[in-house]
């Protein structure tokens, strides 16, 4: 097994980030992105059934 410090190298996720990370996150509505006649809408009926 490789130690986490060695596997992560310089990109270890510890400490504060110097760069602005707001650009990594954005918001959108998936419902608006999928066309009304798309296959995913028909599958969703079965996936969300209780």
PDB file of N, CA and C in Angstrom:
ATOM      1  N   UNK A   1       0.841  -1.182   0.000  1.00  0.00           N
ATOM      2  CA  UNK A   1       0.000   0.000   0.000  1.00  0.00           C
ATOM      3  C   UNK A   1       0.886   1.244   0.000  1.00  0.00           C
ATOM      4  N   UNK A   2       0.507   2.229  -0.804  1.00  0.00           N
ATOM      5  CA  UNK A   2       1.287   3.454  -0.921  1.00  0.00           C
ATOM      6  C   UNK A   2       0.779   4.468   0.098  1.00  0.00           C
ATOM      7  N   UNK A   3       1.685   5.085   0.890  1.00  0.00           N
ATOM      8  CA  UNK A   3       1.246   6.107   1.842  1.00  0.00           C
ATOM      9  C   UNK A   3       0.534   7.254   1.124  1.00  0.00           C
ATOM     10  N   UNK A   4      -0.479   7.823   1.774  1.00  0.00           N
ATOM     11  CA  UNK A   4      -1.286   8.880   1.158  1.00  0.00           C
ATOM     12  C   UNK A   4      -0.438  10.069   0.718  1.00  0.00           C
ATOM     13  N   UNK A   5       0.565  10.411   1.534  1.00  0.00           N
ATOM     14  CA  UNK A   5       1.405  11.562   1.187  1.00  0.00           C
ATOM     15  C   UNK A   5       2.157  11.323  -0.119  1.00  0.00           C
ATOM     16  N   UNK A   6       2.635  10.102  -0.290  1.00  0.00           N
ATOM     17  CA  UNK A   6       3.388   9.758  -1.493  1.00  0.00           C
ATOM     18  C   UNK A   6       2.471   9.671  -2.711  1.00  0.00           C
ATOM     19  N   UNK A   7       1.288   9.081  -2.535  1.00  0.00           N
ATOM     20  CA  UNK A   7       0.345   8.923  -3.644  1.00  0.00           C
ATOM     21  C   UNK A   7      -0.189  10.265  -4.114  1.00  0.00           C
ATOM     22  N   UNK A   8      -0.411  11.184  -3.184  1.00  0.00           N
ATOM     23  CA  UNK A   8      -0.994  12.480  -3.530  1.00  0.00           C
ATOM     24  C   UNK A   8       0.040  13.422  -4.133  1.00  0.00           C
ATOM     25  N   UNK A   9       1.283  13.239  -3.789  1.00  0.00           N
ATOM     26  CA  UNK A   9       2.320  14.126  -4.302  1.00  0.00           C
ATOM     27  C   UNK A   9       2.096  15.550  -3.841  1.00  0.00           C
ATOM     28  N   UNK A  10       2.232  16.493  -4.743  1.00  0.00           N
ATOM     29  CA  UNK A  10       2.070  17.907  -4.414  1.00  0.00           C
ATOM     30  C   UNK A  10       0.613  18.322  -4.297  1.00  0.00           C
ATOM     31  N   UNK A  11      -0.303  17.499  -4.775  1.00  0.00           N
ATOM     32  CA  UNK A  11      -1.710  17.894  -4.799  1.00  0.00           C
ATOM     33  C   UNK A  11      -2.492  17.367  -3.598  1.00  0.00           C
ATOM     34  N   UNK A  12      -1.824  17.156  -2.476  1.00  0.00           N
ATOM     35  CA  UNK A  12      -2.511  16.665  -1.278  1.00  0.00           C
ATOM     36  C   UNK A  12      -3.589  17.654  -0.868  1.00  0.00           C
ATOM     37  N   UNK A  13      -4.721  17.138  -0.420  1.00  0.00           N
ATOM     38  CA  UNK A  13      -5.852  17.990  -0.082  1.00  0.00           C
ATOM     39  C   UNK A  13      -5.815  18.349   1.403  1.00  0.00           C
ATOM     40  N   UNK A  14      -4.774  19.006   1.796  1.00  0.00           N
ATOM     41  CA  UNK A  14      -4.638  19.412   3.183  1.00  0.00           C
ATOM     42  C   UNK A  14      -4.272  20.881   3.215  1.00  0.00           C
ATOM     43  N   UNK A  15      -4.767  21.584   4.214  1.00  0.00           N
ATOM     44  CA  UNK A  15      -4.435  22.991   4.349  1.00  0.00           C
ATOM     45  C   UNK A  15      -5.355  23.874   3.524  1.00  0.00           C
ATOM     46  N   UNK A  16      -5.019  25.130   3.452  1.00  0.00           N
ATOM     47  CA  UNK A  16      -5.837  26.118   2.745  1.00  0.00           C
ATOM     48  C   UNK A  16      -5.483  26.158   1.268  1.00  0.00           C
ATOM     49  N   UNK A  17      -6.469  26.460   0.454  1.00  0.00           N
ATOM     50  CA  UNK A  17      -6.250  26.614  -0.982  1.00  0.00           C
ATOM     51  C   UNK A  17      -5.911  28.071  -1.272  1.00  0.00           C
ATOM     52  N   UNK A  18      -4.911  28.284  -2.093  1.00  0.00           N
ATOM     53  CA  UNK A  18      -4.509  29.646  -2.442  1.00  0.00           C
ATOM     54  C   UNK A  18      -5.344  30.206  -3.578  1.00  0.00           C
ATOM     55  N   UNK A  19      -5.961  29.333  -4.348  1.00  0.00           N
ATOM     56  CA  UNK A  19      -6.716  29.779  -5.519  1.00  0.00           C
ATOM     57  C   UNK A  19      -8.198  29.887  -5.208  1.00  0.00           C
ATOM     58  N   UNK A  20      -8.878  30.728  -5.960  1.00  0.00           N
ATOM     59  CA  UNK A  20     -10.329  30.872  -5.846  1.00  0.00           C
ATOM     60  C   UNK A  20     -10.986  29.663  -6.507  1.00  0.00           C
ATOM     61  N   UNK A  21     -11.815  28.928  -5.768  1.00  0.00           N
ATOM     62  CA  UNK A  21     -12.417  27.706  -6.292  1.00  0.00           C
ATOM     63  C   UNK A  21     -13.872  27.878  -6.693  1.00  0.00           C
ATOM     64  N   UNK A  22     -14.400  29.091  -6.660  1.00  0.00           N
ATOM     65  CA  UNK A  22     -15.789  29.296  -7.050  1.00  0.00           C
ATOM     66  C   UNK A  22     -16.049  28.846  -8.477  1.00  0.00           C
ATOM     67  N   UNK A  23     -15.065  28.926  -9.345  1.00  0.00           N
ATOM     68  CA  UNK A  23     -15.240  28.533 -10.742  1.00  0.00           C
ATOM     69  C   UNK A  23     -15.470  27.037 -10.894  1.00  0.00           C
ATOM     70  N   UNK A  24     -15.179  26.243  -9.873  1.00  0.00           N
ATOM     71  CA  UNK A  24     -15.361  24.803  -9.954  1.00  0.00           C
ATOM     72  C   UNK A  24     -16.812  24.382  -9.748  1.00  0.00           C
ATOM     73  N   UNK A  25     -17.630  25.270  -9.201  1.00  0.00           N
ATOM     74  CA  UNK A  25     -19.008  24.930  -8.883  1.00  0.00           C
ATOM     75  C   UNK A  25     -19.958  25.869  -9.611  1.00  0.00           C
ATOM     76  N   UNK A  26     -21.001  25.309 -10.160  1.00  0.00           N
ATOM     77  CA  UNK A  26     -22.027  26.121 -10.787  1.00  0.00           C
ATOM     78  C   UNK A  26     -23.360  25.424 -10.610  1.00  0.00           C
ATOM     79  N   UNK A  27     -24.420  26.148 -10.804  1.00  0.00           N
ATOM     80  CA  UNK A  27     -25.743  25.610 -10.568  1.00  0.00           C
ATOM     81  C   UNK A  27     -26.538  25.616 -11.868  1.00  0.00           C
ATOM     82  N   UNK A  28     -27.262  24.540 -12.101  1.00  0.00           N
ATOM     83  CA  UNK A  28     -28.158  24.474 -13.234  1.00  0.00           C
ATOM     84  C   UNK A  28     -29.281  23.517 -12.899  1.00  0.00           C
ATOM     85  N   UNK A  29     -30.348  23.611 -13.666  1.00  0.00           N
ATOM     86  CA  UNK A  29     -31.510  22.762 -13.440  1.00  0.00           C
ATOM     87  C   UNK A  29     -31.479  21.618 -14.448  1.00  0.00           C
ATOM     88  N   UNK A  30     -31.251  20.398 -13.951  1.00  0.00           N
ATOM     89  CA  UNK A  30     -31.175  19.234 -14.822  1.00  0.00           C
ATOM     90  C   UNK A  30     -32.487  19.014 -15.557  1.00  0.00           C
ATOM     91  N   UNK A  31     -33.592  19.327 -14.905  1.00  0.00           N
ATOM     92  CA  UNK A  31     -34.910  19.159 -15.515  1.00  0.00           C
ATOM     93  C   UNK A  31     -35.048  20.026 -16.775  1.00  0.00           C
ATOM     94  N   UNK A  32     -34.426  21.184 -16.768  1.00  0.00           N
ATOM     95  CA  UNK A  32     -34.466  22.067 -17.940  1.00  0.00           C
ATOM     96  C   UNK A  32     -33.541  21.585 -19.056  1.00  0.00           C
ATOM     97  N   UNK A  33     -32.531  20.798 -18.711  1.00  0.00           N
ATOM     98  CA  UNK A  33     -31.537  20.366 -19.681  1.00  0.00           C
ATOM     99  C   UNK A  33     -31.967  19.120 -20.468  1.00  0.00           C
ATOM    100  N   UNK A  34     -32.866  18.318 -19.901  1.00  0.00           N
ATOM    101  CA  UNK A  34     -33.282  17.077 -20.545  1.00  0.00           C
ATOM    102  C   UNK A  34     -34.561  17.321 -21.338  1.00  0.00           C
ATOM    103  N   UNK A  35     -34.549  17.067 -22.636  1.00  0.00           N
ATOM    104  CA  UNK A  35     -35.745  17.281 -23.459  1.00  0.00           C
ATOM    105  C   UNK A  35     -36.932  16.444 -22.957  1.00  0.00           C
ATOM    106  N   UNK A  36     -38.133  16.935 -23.182  1.00  0.00           N
ATOM    107  CA  UNK A  36     -39.362  16.272 -22.708  1.00  0.00           C
ATOM    108  C   UNK A  36     -39.523  14.858 -23.260  1.00  0.00           C
ATOM    109  N   UNK A  37     -39.033  14.599 -24.453  1.00  0.00           N
ATOM    110  CA  UNK A  37     -39.216  13.283 -25.070  1.00  0.00           C
ATOM    111  C   UNK A  37     -37.983  12.382 -24.911  1.00  0.00           C
ATOM    112  N   UNK A  38     -37.073  12.712 -24.014  1.00  0.00           N
ATOM    113  CA  UNK A  38     -35.851  11.942 -23.823  1.00  0.00           C
ATOM    114  C   UNK A  38     -36.131  10.646 -23.045  1.00  0.00           C
ATOM    115  N   UNK A  39     -35.369   9.603 -23.336  1.00  0.00           N
ATOM    116  CA  UNK A  39     -35.501   8.307 -22.686  1.00  0.00           C
ATOM    117  C   UNK A  39     -35.365   8.411 -21.156  1.00  0.00           C
ATOM    118  N   UNK A  40     -34.508   9.294 -20.668  1.00  0.00           N
ATOM    119  CA  UNK A  40     -34.313   9.428 -19.226  1.00  0.00           C
ATOM    120  C   UNK A  40     -35.604   9.803 -18.497  1.00  0.00           C
ATOM    121  N   UNK A  41     -36.467  10.538 -19.152  1.00  0.00           N
ATOM    122  CA  UNK A  41     -37.734  10.920 -18.513  1.00  0.00           C
ATOM    123  C   UNK A  41     -38.632   9.698 -18.335  1.00  0.00           C
ATOM    124  N   UNK A  42     -38.606   8.760 -19.256  1.00  0.00           N
ATOM    125  CA  UNK A  42     -39.414   7.543 -19.113  1.00  0.00           C
ATOM    126  C   UNK A  42     -38.828   6.616 -18.055  1.00  0.00           C
ATOM    127  N   UNK A  43     -37.498   6.561 -17.950  1.00  0.00           N
ATOM    128  CA  UNK A  43     -36.839   5.736 -16.941  1.00  0.00           C
ATOM    129  C   UNK A  43     -37.075   6.318 -15.555  1.00  0.00           C
ATOM    130  N   UNK A  44     -37.116   7.616 -15.436  1.00  0.00           N
ATOM    131  CA  UNK A  44     -37.291   8.285 -14.156  1.00  0.00           C
ATOM    132  C   UNK A  44     -38.554   7.830 -13.435  1.00  0.00           C
ATOM    133  N   UNK A  45     -39.588   7.486 -14.162  1.00  0.00           N
ATOM    134  CA  UNK A  45     -40.838   7.028 -13.557  1.00  0.00           C
ATOM    135  C   UNK A  45     -40.577   5.774 -12.716  1.00  0.00           C
ATOM    136  N   UNK A  46     -39.741   4.886 -13.187  1.00  0.00           N
ATOM    137  CA  UNK A  46     -39.439   3.655 -12.465  1.00  0.00           C
ATOM    138  C   UNK A  46     -38.413   3.889 -11.366  1.00  0.00           C
ATOM    139  N   UNK A  47     -37.490   4.783 -11.591  1.00  0.00           N
ATOM    140  CA  UNK A  47     -36.425   5.055 -10.614  1.00  0.00           C
ATOM    141  C   UNK A  47     -36.948   5.785  -9.384  1.00  0.00           C
ATOM    142  N   UNK A  48     -37.985   6.571  -9.527  1.00  0.00           N
ATOM    143  CA  UNK A  48     -38.503   7.361  -8.405  1.00  0.00           C
ATOM    144  C   UNK A  48     -39.764   6.756  -7.796  1.00  0.00           C
ATOM    145  N   UNK A  49     -40.201   5.603  -8.294  1.00  0.00           N
ATOM    146  CA  UNK A  49     -41.412   4.963  -7.756  1.00  0.00           C
ATOM    147  C   UNK A  49     -41.160   4.510  -6.321  1.00  0.00           C
ATOM    148  N   UNK A  50     -42.155   4.652  -5.501  1.00  0.00           N
ATOM    149  CA  UNK A  50     -42.025   4.288  -4.072  1.00  0.00           C
ATOM    150  C   UNK A  50     -42.572   2.911  -3.827  1.00  0.00           C
TER     151      UNK A  50
END
